[in-house]
Amino acid sequence: MLPDLFLNALENAINKYIHLDPSSRSRLTPLNDKIVAIHVRGLDIRFYLFFSANGVHLQKNFQGATHTQISGTPFGLFCLGTQSNEKGAAFSQDVAVTGDLELGQLVKDFFANVDIDWEEHLSHCVGDIAAHSIANVTRNTLAWSKQTATTLRQDLSEYLQEEARHFPSREEVNDFLSDVDKLRDDYERIEARLSRLEN
C-alpha cells in the first residue's frame, strides 16, 4: 500500500511534468473523466489515475469500475511513456493492458508525447546563450549514447555468435533444423521399409 505522502508527491510530480508542455491540456481532452487502475508487479502496489482537464489525480483506493487496467514491472511502467513517441506504438512486453485497450493506448500516447522545450525553461534560469549551449551538449550526448548503445548491442551479438560461440547464428540454426527434418524423413523411410519386411 502506497503512503499518502508518496502518492501526493507522485501526483504533483506528474502534473508539473505534463504541464511543462503547453499542449498537454488540449491532449487531455480524450482522457477526461477516465479512470485507469495501475498495478506495479513485483511490489504488489495498486493505485488509480483519474484524468481531468486540469491534469491527473492519483488515489490509492477506489470501489467503482475502472475503464482500463495497466499492469507492469516498475521499470516497464516507468518507461511506459518514454519508449516511443510514435502514435500507436506497442506496449513493451513488461506491461499488460486489460479493459478498454484503446484507452490504454491513449494513456501511453499521452505520456509518450509530452513535448517539453527544456531549452526555453532553462533560459529563464541561466539565460538564452547558456541554455542553448547546455541544450546542444545534452542533445549531442544523448545522440552519442544512443549510437553507442546500438553499436555495443550489435558488437556483443556478433561476439557471442561468431567469436565466443555461445549462441549459434541464424544460418546455423536453419541448417540444424534442416538436418533434423532430413533425419526424421530418413527414420520414417527406414521404419516403413522395416514394416514391409516384417510383413
N, C-alpha and C. Protein backbone atom coordinates (compact mmCIF):
# COMPACT_ATOMS: atom_id res chain seq x y z
N MET A 1 0.84 -1.19 0.00
CA MET A 1 0.00 0.00 0.00
C MET A 1 0.88 1.25 0.00
N LEU A 2 0.61 2.18 -0.91
CA LEU A 2 1.41 3.40 -1.00
C LEU A 2 1.02 4.39 0.09
N PRO A 3 2.01 4.99 0.76
CA PRO A 3 1.67 6.05 1.73
C PRO A 3 1.07 7.25 1.01
N ASP A 4 0.16 7.96 1.68
CA ASP A 4 -0.49 9.13 1.08
C ASP A 4 0.54 10.18 0.67
N LEU A 5 1.56 10.36 1.50
CA LEU A 5 2.58 11.37 1.22
C LEU A 5 3.29 11.08 -0.10
N PHE A 6 3.63 9.80 -0.32
CA PHE A 6 4.32 9.43 -1.56
C PHE A 6 3.38 9.61 -2.76
N LEU A 7 2.12 9.20 -2.60
CA LEU A 7 1.15 9.32 -3.69
C LEU A 7 0.93 10.78 -4.07
N ASN A 8 0.85 11.66 -3.06
CA ASN A 8 0.69 13.09 -3.33
C ASN A 8 1.91 13.66 -4.04
N ALA A 9 3.10 13.23 -3.61
CA ALA A 9 4.33 13.72 -4.25
C ALA A 9 4.40 13.25 -5.70
N LEU A 10 3.99 11.99 -5.94
CA LEU A 10 3.99 11.46 -7.31
C LEU A 10 2.99 12.20 -8.18
N GLU A 11 1.82 12.47 -7.63
CA GLU A 11 0.79 13.21 -8.37
C GLU A 11 1.29 14.60 -8.75
N ASN A 12 1.91 15.31 -7.78
CA ASN A 12 2.44 16.65 -8.05
C ASN A 12 3.53 16.61 -9.12
N ALA A 13 4.40 15.60 -9.03
CA ALA A 13 5.50 15.48 -10.00
C ALA A 13 4.95 15.24 -11.41
N ILE A 14 3.96 14.33 -11.52
CA ILE A 14 3.37 14.03 -12.84
C ILE A 14 2.72 15.27 -13.42
N ASN A 15 1.95 16.00 -12.61
CA ASN A 15 1.25 17.18 -13.11
C ASN A 15 2.21 18.31 -13.48
N LYS A 16 3.26 18.50 -12.69
CA LYS A 16 4.25 19.52 -13.04
C LYS A 16 4.94 19.16 -14.35
N TYR A 17 5.24 17.87 -14.50
CA TYR A 17 5.91 17.39 -15.73
C TYR A 17 5.03 17.62 -16.96
N ILE A 18 3.77 17.18 -16.92
CA ILE A 18 2.94 17.29 -18.11
C ILE A 18 2.57 18.75 -18.42
N HIS A 19 2.52 19.61 -17.39
CA HIS A 19 2.16 21.00 -17.64
C HIS A 19 3.33 21.83 -18.16
N LEU A 20 4.52 21.23 -18.20
CA LEU A 20 5.64 21.91 -18.87
C LEU A 20 5.44 21.92 -20.38
N ASP A 21 4.53 21.07 -20.87
CA ASP A 21 4.18 21.05 -22.29
C ASP A 21 2.87 21.82 -22.45
N PRO A 22 2.91 22.98 -23.13
CA PRO A 22 1.69 23.80 -23.26
C PRO A 22 0.53 23.07 -23.94
N SER A 23 0.82 22.08 -24.77
CA SER A 23 -0.26 21.39 -25.50
C SER A 23 -0.91 20.27 -24.68
N SER A 24 -0.39 20.03 -23.47
CA SER A 24 -0.89 18.88 -22.69
C SER A 24 -2.37 19.03 -22.31
N ARG A 25 -2.80 20.25 -22.03
CA ARG A 25 -4.21 20.44 -21.62
C ARG A 25 -5.17 20.02 -22.73
N SER A 26 -4.88 20.41 -23.96
CA SER A 26 -5.77 20.02 -25.06
C SER A 26 -5.69 18.52 -25.32
N ARG A 27 -4.52 17.92 -25.09
CA ARG A 27 -4.38 16.48 -25.33
C ARG A 27 -5.00 15.65 -24.21
N LEU A 28 -5.35 16.29 -23.10
CA LEU A 28 -6.04 15.60 -22.01
C LEU A 28 -7.52 15.38 -22.31
N THR A 29 -8.06 16.13 -23.27
CA THR A 29 -9.50 16.09 -23.56
C THR A 29 -10.04 14.68 -23.76
N PRO A 30 -9.41 13.82 -24.60
CA PRO A 30 -9.98 12.47 -24.78
C PRO A 30 -9.90 11.60 -23.53
N LEU A 31 -9.09 12.02 -22.54
CA LEU A 31 -8.93 11.23 -21.31
C LEU A 31 -9.80 11.74 -20.16
N ASN A 32 -10.49 12.85 -20.38
CA ASN A 32 -11.32 13.44 -19.31
C ASN A 32 -12.30 12.42 -18.74
N ASP A 33 -12.35 12.39 -17.40
CA ASP A 33 -13.28 11.53 -16.65
C ASP A 33 -12.99 10.04 -16.80
N LYS A 34 -11.82 9.69 -17.28
CA LYS A 34 -11.44 8.27 -17.39
C LYS A 34 -10.69 7.86 -16.13
N ILE A 35 -10.87 6.59 -15.76
CA ILE A 35 -10.23 6.05 -14.56
C ILE A 35 -9.41 4.83 -14.97
N VAL A 36 -8.11 4.87 -14.64
CA VAL A 36 -7.20 3.79 -15.02
C VAL A 36 -6.58 3.20 -13.76
N ALA A 37 -6.69 1.88 -13.61
CA ALA A 37 -6.07 1.19 -12.48
C ALA A 37 -4.64 0.82 -12.85
N ILE A 38 -3.70 1.07 -11.95
CA ILE A 38 -2.29 0.75 -12.17
C ILE A 38 -1.87 -0.30 -11.14
N HIS A 39 -1.25 -1.36 -11.62
CA HIS A 39 -0.72 -2.40 -10.73
C HIS A 39 0.77 -2.55 -11.00
N VAL A 40 1.59 -2.32 -9.97
CA VAL A 40 3.04 -2.47 -10.09
C VAL A 40 3.38 -3.89 -9.67
N ARG A 41 3.69 -4.74 -10.66
CA ARG A 41 4.01 -6.13 -10.37
C ARG A 41 5.34 -6.23 -9.63
N GLY A 42 5.44 -7.24 -8.78
CA GLY A 42 6.67 -7.44 -8.00
C GLY A 42 6.61 -6.70 -6.68
N LEU A 43 6.04 -5.51 -6.68
CA LEU A 43 5.89 -4.74 -5.44
C LEU A 43 4.46 -4.83 -4.92
N ASP A 44 3.56 -5.39 -5.73
CA ASP A 44 2.15 -5.51 -5.40
C ASP A 44 1.56 -4.19 -4.91
N ILE A 45 1.83 -3.14 -5.69
CA ILE A 45 1.29 -1.81 -5.41
C ILE A 45 0.18 -1.52 -6.41
N ARG A 46 -0.95 -1.01 -5.92
CA ARG A 46 -2.06 -0.64 -6.78
C ARG A 46 -2.49 0.79 -6.46
N PHE A 47 -2.78 1.55 -7.53
CA PHE A 47 -3.37 2.87 -7.35
C PHE A 47 -4.15 3.21 -8.61
N TYR A 48 -4.82 4.35 -8.59
CA TYR A 48 -5.75 4.70 -9.67
C TYR A 48 -5.43 6.09 -10.20
N LEU A 49 -5.49 6.23 -11.53
CA LEU A 49 -5.32 7.52 -12.19
C LEU A 49 -6.70 8.04 -12.59
N PHE A 50 -7.02 9.27 -12.19
CA PHE A 50 -8.25 9.94 -12.59
C PHE A 50 -7.85 11.12 -13.47
N PHE A 51 -8.27 11.11 -14.71
CA PHE A 51 -7.90 12.17 -15.65
C PHE A 51 -8.99 13.25 -15.68
N SER A 52 -8.53 14.50 -15.73
CA SER A 52 -9.46 15.63 -15.88
C SER A 52 -8.80 16.66 -16.78
N ALA A 53 -9.52 17.74 -17.06
CA ALA A 53 -8.98 18.79 -17.92
C ALA A 53 -7.79 19.48 -17.26
N ASN A 54 -7.67 19.37 -15.93
CA ASN A 54 -6.59 20.04 -15.20
C ASN A 54 -5.36 19.17 -15.01
N GLY A 55 -5.47 17.88 -15.29
CA GLY A 55 -4.32 17.01 -15.10
C GLY A 55 -4.72 15.63 -14.62
N VAL A 56 -3.89 15.07 -13.76
CA VAL A 56 -4.08 13.70 -13.29
C VAL A 56 -4.17 13.70 -11.77
N HIS A 57 -5.15 12.98 -11.25
CA HIS A 57 -5.28 12.81 -9.80
C HIS A 57 -5.02 11.35 -9.47
N LEU A 58 -4.20 11.09 -8.45
CA LEU A 58 -3.87 9.72 -8.04
C LEU A 58 -4.60 9.39 -6.74
N GLN A 59 -5.12 8.18 -6.67
CA GLN A 59 -5.86 7.74 -5.48
C GLN A 59 -5.51 6.28 -5.23
N LYS A 60 -5.33 5.91 -3.96
CA LYS A 60 -4.92 4.53 -3.67
C LYS A 60 -6.10 3.58 -3.52
N ASN A 61 -7.29 4.11 -3.27
CA ASN A 61 -8.48 3.26 -3.13
C ASN A 61 -9.59 3.73 -4.05
N PHE A 62 -10.30 2.77 -4.65
CA PHE A 62 -11.45 3.10 -5.49
C PHE A 62 -12.34 1.87 -5.56
N GLN A 63 -13.61 2.04 -5.29
CA GLN A 63 -14.54 0.91 -5.23
C GLN A 63 -15.30 0.69 -6.54
N GLY A 64 -15.35 1.68 -7.40
CA GLY A 64 -16.14 1.55 -8.62
C GLY A 64 -15.40 0.81 -9.73
N ALA A 65 -15.99 0.83 -10.92
CA ALA A 65 -15.40 0.16 -12.08
C ALA A 65 -14.42 1.10 -12.76
N THR A 66 -13.31 0.54 -13.21
CA THR A 66 -12.31 1.31 -13.95
C THR A 66 -12.49 1.06 -15.44
N HIS A 67 -12.02 1.99 -16.25
CA HIS A 67 -12.12 1.84 -17.69
C HIS A 67 -11.02 0.93 -18.25
N THR A 68 -9.83 1.04 -17.67
CA THR A 68 -8.66 0.30 -18.16
C THR A 68 -7.79 -0.09 -16.98
N GLN A 69 -7.13 -1.25 -17.11
CA GLN A 69 -6.19 -1.69 -16.08
C GLN A 69 -4.83 -1.89 -16.75
N ILE A 70 -3.80 -1.26 -16.19
CA ILE A 70 -2.44 -1.39 -16.71
C ILE A 70 -1.58 -2.01 -15.62
N SER A 71 -0.93 -3.12 -15.97
CA SER A 71 -0.10 -3.85 -15.02
C SER A 71 1.29 -4.01 -15.60
N GLY A 72 2.31 -3.81 -14.78
CA GLY A 72 3.66 -3.96 -15.32
C GLY A 72 4.71 -3.94 -14.23
N THR A 73 5.94 -4.26 -14.63
CA THR A 73 7.07 -4.18 -13.71
C THR A 73 7.35 -2.70 -13.43
N PRO A 74 8.06 -2.38 -12.35
CA PRO A 74 8.37 -0.97 -12.09
C PRO A 74 9.08 -0.30 -13.27
N PHE A 75 10.07 -1.00 -13.86
CA PHE A 75 10.80 -0.42 -14.99
C PHE A 75 9.91 -0.28 -16.21
N GLY A 76 9.07 -1.30 -16.46
CA GLY A 76 8.18 -1.25 -17.60
C GLY A 76 7.20 -0.08 -17.52
N LEU A 77 6.67 0.15 -16.31
CA LEU A 77 5.73 1.27 -16.12
C LEU A 77 6.46 2.61 -16.20
N PHE A 78 7.68 2.66 -15.69
CA PHE A 78 8.46 3.89 -15.76
C PHE A 78 8.72 4.28 -17.22
N CYS A 79 9.00 3.26 -18.04
CA CYS A 79 9.29 3.51 -19.46
C CYS A 79 8.04 3.64 -20.31
N LEU A 80 6.87 3.45 -19.70
CA LEU A 80 5.61 3.43 -20.46
C LEU A 80 5.47 4.61 -21.40
N GLY A 81 5.79 5.78 -20.90
CA GLY A 81 5.61 6.95 -21.74
C GLY A 81 6.87 7.49 -22.37
N THR A 82 7.96 6.74 -22.31
CA THR A 82 9.22 7.29 -22.82
C THR A 82 9.84 6.45 -23.91
N GLN A 83 9.30 5.25 -24.19
CA GLN A 83 9.97 4.36 -25.13
C GLN A 83 9.82 4.79 -26.57
N SER A 84 8.69 5.32 -26.93
CA SER A 84 8.47 5.72 -28.32
C SER A 84 7.44 6.82 -28.36
N ASN A 85 7.69 7.86 -29.15
CA ASN A 85 6.70 8.92 -29.29
C ASN A 85 5.88 8.74 -30.57
N GLU A 86 5.98 7.56 -31.20
CA GLU A 86 5.15 7.28 -32.36
C GLU A 86 3.75 6.91 -31.88
N LYS A 87 2.76 7.56 -32.47
CA LYS A 87 1.38 7.28 -32.07
C LYS A 87 1.05 5.83 -32.37
N GLY A 88 0.46 5.14 -31.38
CA GLY A 88 0.07 3.76 -31.59
C GLY A 88 1.20 2.76 -31.41
N ALA A 89 2.38 3.22 -30.93
CA ALA A 89 3.50 2.29 -30.71
C ALA A 89 3.09 1.25 -29.67
N ALA A 90 3.57 0.04 -29.85
CA ALA A 90 3.15 -1.08 -29.00
C ALA A 90 3.70 -0.93 -27.58
N PHE A 91 3.00 -1.57 -26.64
CA PHE A 91 3.47 -1.64 -25.26
C PHE A 91 4.65 -2.60 -25.19
N SER A 92 5.52 -2.39 -24.21
CA SER A 92 6.62 -3.33 -24.02
C SER A 92 6.07 -4.62 -23.43
N GLN A 93 6.88 -5.68 -23.50
CA GLN A 93 6.43 -6.99 -23.01
C GLN A 93 6.31 -7.00 -21.48
N ASP A 94 6.85 -5.97 -20.81
CA ASP A 94 6.76 -5.89 -19.35
C ASP A 94 5.46 -5.25 -18.88
N VAL A 95 4.60 -4.84 -19.82
CA VAL A 95 3.36 -4.14 -19.48
C VAL A 95 2.18 -4.86 -20.12
N ALA A 96 1.12 -5.08 -19.33
CA ALA A 96 -0.10 -5.71 -19.85
C ALA A 96 -1.27 -4.75 -19.64
N VAL A 97 -2.17 -4.71 -20.62
CA VAL A 97 -3.34 -3.83 -20.56
C VAL A 97 -4.60 -4.66 -20.71
N THR A 98 -5.57 -4.44 -19.83
CA THR A 98 -6.87 -5.11 -19.94
C THR A 98 -7.96 -4.04 -19.85
N GLY A 99 -9.16 -4.42 -20.23
CA GLY A 99 -10.27 -3.46 -20.25
C GLY A 99 -10.29 -2.75 -21.59
N ASP A 100 -10.47 -1.44 -21.56
CA ASP A 100 -10.52 -0.64 -22.78
C ASP A 100 -9.10 -0.46 -23.33
N LEU A 101 -8.74 -1.29 -24.31
CA LEU A 101 -7.38 -1.27 -24.85
C LEU A 101 -7.08 0.04 -25.58
N GLU A 102 -8.09 0.60 -26.23
CA GLU A 102 -7.90 1.87 -26.95
C GLU A 102 -7.56 2.98 -25.96
N LEU A 103 -8.22 2.99 -24.82
CA LEU A 103 -7.92 3.98 -23.79
C LEU A 103 -6.51 3.76 -23.25
N GLY A 104 -6.13 2.50 -23.04
CA GLY A 104 -4.77 2.21 -22.60
C GLY A 104 -3.74 2.78 -23.56
N GLN A 105 -4.01 2.64 -24.85
CA GLN A 105 -3.10 3.18 -25.87
C GLN A 105 -3.09 4.71 -25.82
N LEU A 106 -4.26 5.32 -25.58
CA LEU A 106 -4.32 6.78 -25.47
C LEU A 106 -3.50 7.29 -24.28
N VAL A 107 -3.56 6.56 -23.16
CA VAL A 107 -2.78 6.94 -21.97
C VAL A 107 -1.29 6.87 -22.29
N LYS A 108 -0.87 5.76 -22.94
CA LYS A 108 0.54 5.61 -23.30
C LYS A 108 0.97 6.73 -24.24
N ASP A 109 0.16 6.97 -25.28
CA ASP A 109 0.50 8.01 -26.26
C ASP A 109 0.55 9.39 -25.61
N PHE A 110 -0.36 9.65 -24.65
CA PHE A 110 -0.37 10.95 -23.99
C PHE A 110 0.96 11.20 -23.29
N PHE A 111 1.40 10.24 -22.47
CA PHE A 111 2.65 10.44 -21.74
C PHE A 111 3.87 10.40 -22.65
N ALA A 112 3.82 9.57 -23.69
CA ALA A 112 4.97 9.46 -24.60
C ALA A 112 5.16 10.72 -25.43
N ASN A 113 4.08 11.48 -25.62
CA ASN A 113 4.16 12.65 -26.48
C ASN A 113 4.18 13.97 -25.72
N VAL A 114 4.51 13.91 -24.43
CA VAL A 114 4.75 15.15 -23.70
C VAL A 114 6.01 15.76 -24.30
N ASP A 115 5.87 16.94 -24.88
CA ASP A 115 6.95 17.59 -25.61
C ASP A 115 7.36 18.86 -24.87
N ILE A 116 8.46 18.78 -24.13
CA ILE A 116 8.89 19.91 -23.29
C ILE A 116 10.06 20.61 -23.96
N ASP A 117 9.95 21.91 -24.08
CA ASP A 117 11.05 22.72 -24.61
C ASP A 117 11.97 23.06 -23.43
N TRP A 118 12.86 22.12 -23.12
CA TRP A 118 13.74 22.29 -21.96
C TRP A 118 14.63 23.52 -22.11
N GLU A 119 15.03 23.80 -23.34
CA GLU A 119 15.88 24.97 -23.57
C GLU A 119 15.17 26.25 -23.17
N GLU A 120 13.88 26.34 -23.51
CA GLU A 120 13.09 27.53 -23.15
C GLU A 120 12.97 27.68 -21.64
N HIS A 121 12.66 26.57 -20.94
CA HIS A 121 12.52 26.63 -19.48
C HIS A 121 13.86 26.94 -18.81
N LEU A 122 14.93 26.37 -19.35
CA LEU A 122 16.27 26.59 -18.78
C LEU A 122 16.72 28.03 -18.97
N SER A 123 16.29 28.64 -20.08
CA SER A 123 16.72 30.01 -20.37
C SER A 123 16.23 31.00 -19.31
N HIS A 124 15.14 30.69 -18.63
CA HIS A 124 14.63 31.56 -17.57
C HIS A 124 15.55 31.55 -16.35
N CYS A 125 16.33 30.46 -16.22
CA CYS A 125 17.23 30.33 -15.06
C CYS A 125 18.65 30.82 -15.36
N VAL A 126 19.16 30.49 -16.56
CA VAL A 126 20.58 30.76 -16.84
C VAL A 126 20.80 31.70 -18.03
N GLY A 127 19.74 32.11 -18.69
CA GLY A 127 19.88 32.98 -19.85
C GLY A 127 19.85 32.20 -21.16
N ASP A 128 19.59 32.91 -22.26
CA ASP A 128 19.41 32.27 -23.56
C ASP A 128 20.67 31.58 -24.07
N ILE A 129 21.81 32.25 -23.98
CA ILE A 129 23.05 31.71 -24.56
C ILE A 129 23.48 30.45 -23.81
N ALA A 130 23.50 30.53 -22.48
CA ALA A 130 23.90 29.36 -21.69
C ALA A 130 22.92 28.20 -21.90
N ALA A 131 21.62 28.49 -21.96
CA ALA A 131 20.61 27.45 -22.16
C ALA A 131 20.80 26.77 -23.51
N HIS A 132 21.10 27.56 -24.53
CA HIS A 132 21.33 26.99 -25.87
C HIS A 132 22.56 26.08 -25.86
N SER A 133 23.62 26.52 -25.21
CA SER A 133 24.85 25.71 -25.13
C SER A 133 24.61 24.41 -24.38
N ILE A 134 23.91 24.49 -23.24
CA ILE A 134 23.61 23.29 -22.44
C ILE A 134 22.74 22.33 -23.24
N ALA A 135 21.74 22.89 -23.96
CA ALA A 135 20.85 22.05 -24.76
C ALA A 135 21.62 21.33 -25.87
N ASN A 136 22.54 22.04 -26.52
CA ASN A 136 23.34 21.41 -27.58
C ASN A 136 24.21 20.29 -27.04
N VAL A 137 24.85 20.53 -25.91
CA VAL A 137 25.69 19.48 -25.29
C VAL A 137 24.83 18.28 -24.92
N THR A 138 23.65 18.53 -24.36
CA THR A 138 22.75 17.44 -23.96
C THR A 138 22.29 16.64 -25.17
N ARG A 139 21.87 17.36 -26.24
CA ARG A 139 21.43 16.67 -27.46
C ARG A 139 22.54 15.81 -28.05
N ASN A 140 23.74 16.37 -28.11
CA ASN A 140 24.88 15.62 -28.67
C ASN A 140 25.22 14.41 -27.81
N THR A 141 25.15 14.59 -26.49
CA THR A 141 25.44 13.47 -25.57
C THR A 141 24.41 12.36 -25.72
N LEU A 142 23.13 12.74 -25.82
CA LEU A 142 22.07 11.73 -25.99
C LEU A 142 22.21 11.00 -27.32
N ALA A 143 22.53 11.74 -28.38
CA ALA A 143 22.71 11.11 -29.69
C ALA A 143 23.89 10.15 -29.66
N TRP A 144 24.99 10.57 -29.03
CA TRP A 144 26.17 9.70 -28.91
C TRP A 144 25.84 8.45 -28.09
N SER A 145 25.10 8.64 -26.98
CA SER A 145 24.74 7.50 -26.12
C SER A 145 23.89 6.50 -26.88
N LYS A 146 22.93 7.01 -27.66
CA LYS A 146 22.05 6.12 -28.42
C LYS A 146 22.84 5.34 -29.46
N GLN A 147 23.74 6.03 -30.18
CA GLN A 147 24.55 5.37 -31.19
C GLN A 147 25.49 4.35 -30.56
N THR A 148 26.08 4.72 -29.43
CA THR A 148 26.99 3.82 -28.73
C THR A 148 26.26 2.57 -28.25
N ALA A 149 25.05 2.75 -27.72
CA ALA A 149 24.27 1.60 -27.24
C ALA A 149 23.92 0.67 -28.39
N THR A 150 23.55 1.24 -29.54
CA THR A 150 23.21 0.42 -30.72
C THR A 150 24.43 -0.35 -31.19
N THR A 151 25.58 0.33 -31.29
CA THR A 151 26.82 -0.32 -31.74
C THR A 151 27.24 -1.41 -30.77
N LEU A 152 27.16 -1.12 -29.47
CA LEU A 152 27.54 -2.09 -28.45
C LEU A 152 26.66 -3.33 -28.53
N ARG A 153 25.35 -3.14 -28.72
CA ARG A 153 24.42 -4.26 -28.83
C ARG A 153 24.77 -5.13 -30.04
N GLN A 154 25.08 -4.49 -31.17
CA GLN A 154 25.44 -5.24 -32.38
C GLN A 154 26.75 -5.98 -32.19
N ASP A 155 27.75 -5.29 -31.61
CA ASP A 155 29.07 -5.91 -31.40
C ASP A 155 28.97 -7.09 -30.43
N LEU A 156 28.17 -6.92 -29.38
CA LEU A 156 28.01 -8.00 -28.40
C LEU A 156 27.33 -9.21 -29.04
N SER A 157 26.32 -8.95 -29.87
CA SER A 157 25.64 -10.04 -30.56
C SER A 157 26.59 -10.79 -31.47
N GLU A 158 27.40 -10.03 -32.22
CA GLU A 158 28.37 -10.67 -33.13
C GLU A 158 29.42 -11.45 -32.34
N TYR A 159 29.88 -10.89 -31.22
CA TYR A 159 30.90 -11.58 -30.42
C TYR A 159 30.36 -12.90 -29.88
N LEU A 160 29.13 -12.86 -29.31
CA LEU A 160 28.57 -14.08 -28.72
C LEU A 160 28.32 -15.16 -29.77
N GLN A 161 27.99 -14.73 -31.00
CA GLN A 161 27.72 -15.71 -32.06
C GLN A 161 28.98 -16.16 -32.79
N GLU A 162 29.83 -15.20 -33.16
CA GLU A 162 30.97 -15.51 -34.03
C GLU A 162 32.24 -15.86 -33.27
N GLU A 163 32.54 -15.10 -32.21
CA GLU A 163 33.81 -15.28 -31.52
C GLU A 163 33.70 -16.27 -30.36
N ALA A 164 32.81 -15.97 -29.40
CA ALA A 164 32.70 -16.82 -28.22
C ALA A 164 31.94 -18.11 -28.51
N ARG A 165 31.15 -18.10 -29.57
CA ARG A 165 30.38 -19.27 -30.00
C ARG A 165 29.40 -19.73 -28.91
N HIS A 166 28.90 -18.77 -28.11
CA HIS A 166 27.90 -19.12 -27.09
C HIS A 166 26.52 -19.33 -27.72
N PHE A 167 26.25 -18.60 -28.79
CA PHE A 167 24.97 -18.70 -29.45
C PHE A 167 25.18 -18.98 -30.93
N PRO A 168 24.37 -19.85 -31.51
CA PRO A 168 24.51 -20.11 -32.96
C PRO A 168 23.98 -18.95 -33.78
N SER A 169 24.51 -18.82 -34.98
CA SER A 169 23.99 -17.80 -35.89
C SER A 169 22.66 -18.30 -36.46
N ARG A 170 21.93 -17.41 -37.13
CA ARG A 170 20.65 -17.78 -37.72
C ARG A 170 20.84 -18.87 -38.78
N GLU A 171 21.93 -18.75 -39.56
CA GLU A 171 22.19 -19.76 -40.60
C GLU A 171 22.44 -21.14 -39.98
N GLU A 172 23.18 -21.15 -38.87
CA GLU A 172 23.45 -22.42 -38.20
C GLU A 172 22.18 -23.05 -37.63
N VAL A 173 21.31 -22.22 -37.10
CA VAL A 173 20.03 -22.73 -36.59
C VAL A 173 19.21 -23.32 -37.72
N ASN A 174 19.16 -22.61 -38.86
CA ASN A 174 18.40 -23.10 -40.02
C ASN A 174 18.99 -24.40 -40.55
N ASP A 175 20.33 -24.50 -40.60
CA ASP A 175 20.99 -25.74 -41.05
C ASP A 175 20.65 -26.89 -40.11
N PHE A 176 20.67 -26.61 -38.78
CA PHE A 176 20.36 -27.65 -37.80
C PHE A 176 18.92 -28.14 -37.97
N LEU A 177 17.99 -27.20 -38.13
CA LEU A 177 16.58 -27.60 -38.30
C LEU A 177 16.38 -28.39 -39.59
N SER A 178 17.11 -28.02 -40.63
CA SER A 178 17.04 -28.75 -41.89
C SER A 178 17.56 -30.17 -41.71
N ASP A 179 18.67 -30.31 -40.98
CA ASP A 179 19.23 -31.64 -40.70
C ASP A 179 18.27 -32.49 -39.88
N VAL A 180 17.58 -31.87 -38.92
CA VAL A 180 16.60 -32.59 -38.10
C VAL A 180 15.47 -33.10 -38.98
N ASP A 181 14.99 -32.24 -39.90
CA ASP A 181 13.92 -32.65 -40.82
C ASP A 181 14.37 -33.82 -41.69
N LYS A 182 15.60 -33.74 -42.18
CA LYS A 182 16.13 -34.80 -43.05
C LYS A 182 16.26 -36.11 -42.26
N LEU A 183 16.76 -36.02 -41.02
CA LEU A 183 16.90 -37.20 -40.18
C LEU A 183 15.55 -37.84 -39.89
N ARG A 184 14.53 -37.01 -39.62
CA ARG A 184 13.19 -37.52 -39.37
C ARG A 184 12.64 -38.25 -40.59
N ASP A 185 12.84 -37.65 -41.78
CA ASP A 185 12.36 -38.28 -43.01
C ASP A 185 13.06 -39.61 -43.26
N ASP A 186 14.39 -39.63 -43.02
CA ASP A 186 15.15 -40.88 -43.19
C ASP A 186 14.65 -41.96 -42.22
N TYR A 187 14.39 -41.57 -40.98
CA TYR A 187 13.90 -42.51 -39.99
C TYR A 187 12.55 -43.09 -40.40
N GLU A 188 11.66 -42.21 -40.88
CA GLU A 188 10.33 -42.68 -41.30
C GLU A 188 10.43 -43.64 -42.49
N ARG A 189 11.37 -43.37 -43.41
CA ARG A 189 11.55 -44.28 -44.55
C ARG A 189 12.07 -45.63 -44.10
N ILE A 190 13.05 -45.63 -43.18
CA ILE A 190 13.60 -46.89 -42.67
C ILE A 190 12.53 -47.66 -41.91
N GLU A 191 11.73 -46.96 -41.10
CA GLU A 191 10.66 -47.60 -40.34
C GLU A 191 9.64 -48.24 -41.28
N ALA A 192 9.29 -47.54 -42.35
CA ALA A 192 8.33 -48.08 -43.32
C ALA A 192 8.91 -49.31 -44.02
N ARG A 193 10.21 -49.27 -44.35
CA ARG A 193 10.85 -50.40 -45.01
C ARG A 193 10.90 -51.62 -44.10
N LEU A 194 11.23 -51.39 -42.79
CA LEU A 194 11.27 -52.50 -41.85
C LEU A 194 9.87 -53.11 -41.68
N SER A 195 8.86 -52.25 -41.66
CA SER A 195 7.49 -52.72 -41.50
C SER A 195 7.09 -53.59 -42.69
N ARG A 196 7.52 -53.22 -43.90
CA ARG A 196 7.22 -54.03 -45.10
C ARG A 196 7.94 -55.37 -45.03
N LEU A 197 9.18 -55.35 -44.55
CA LEU A 197 9.96 -56.61 -44.46
C LEU A 197 9.36 -57.56 -43.46
N GLU A 198 8.82 -57.05 -42.36
CA GLU A 198 8.23 -57.89 -41.33
C GLU A 198 6.94 -58.55 -41.84
N ASN A 199 6.26 -57.84 -42.73
CA ASN A 199 5.02 -58.41 -43.27
C ASN A 199 5.34 -59.35 -44.42
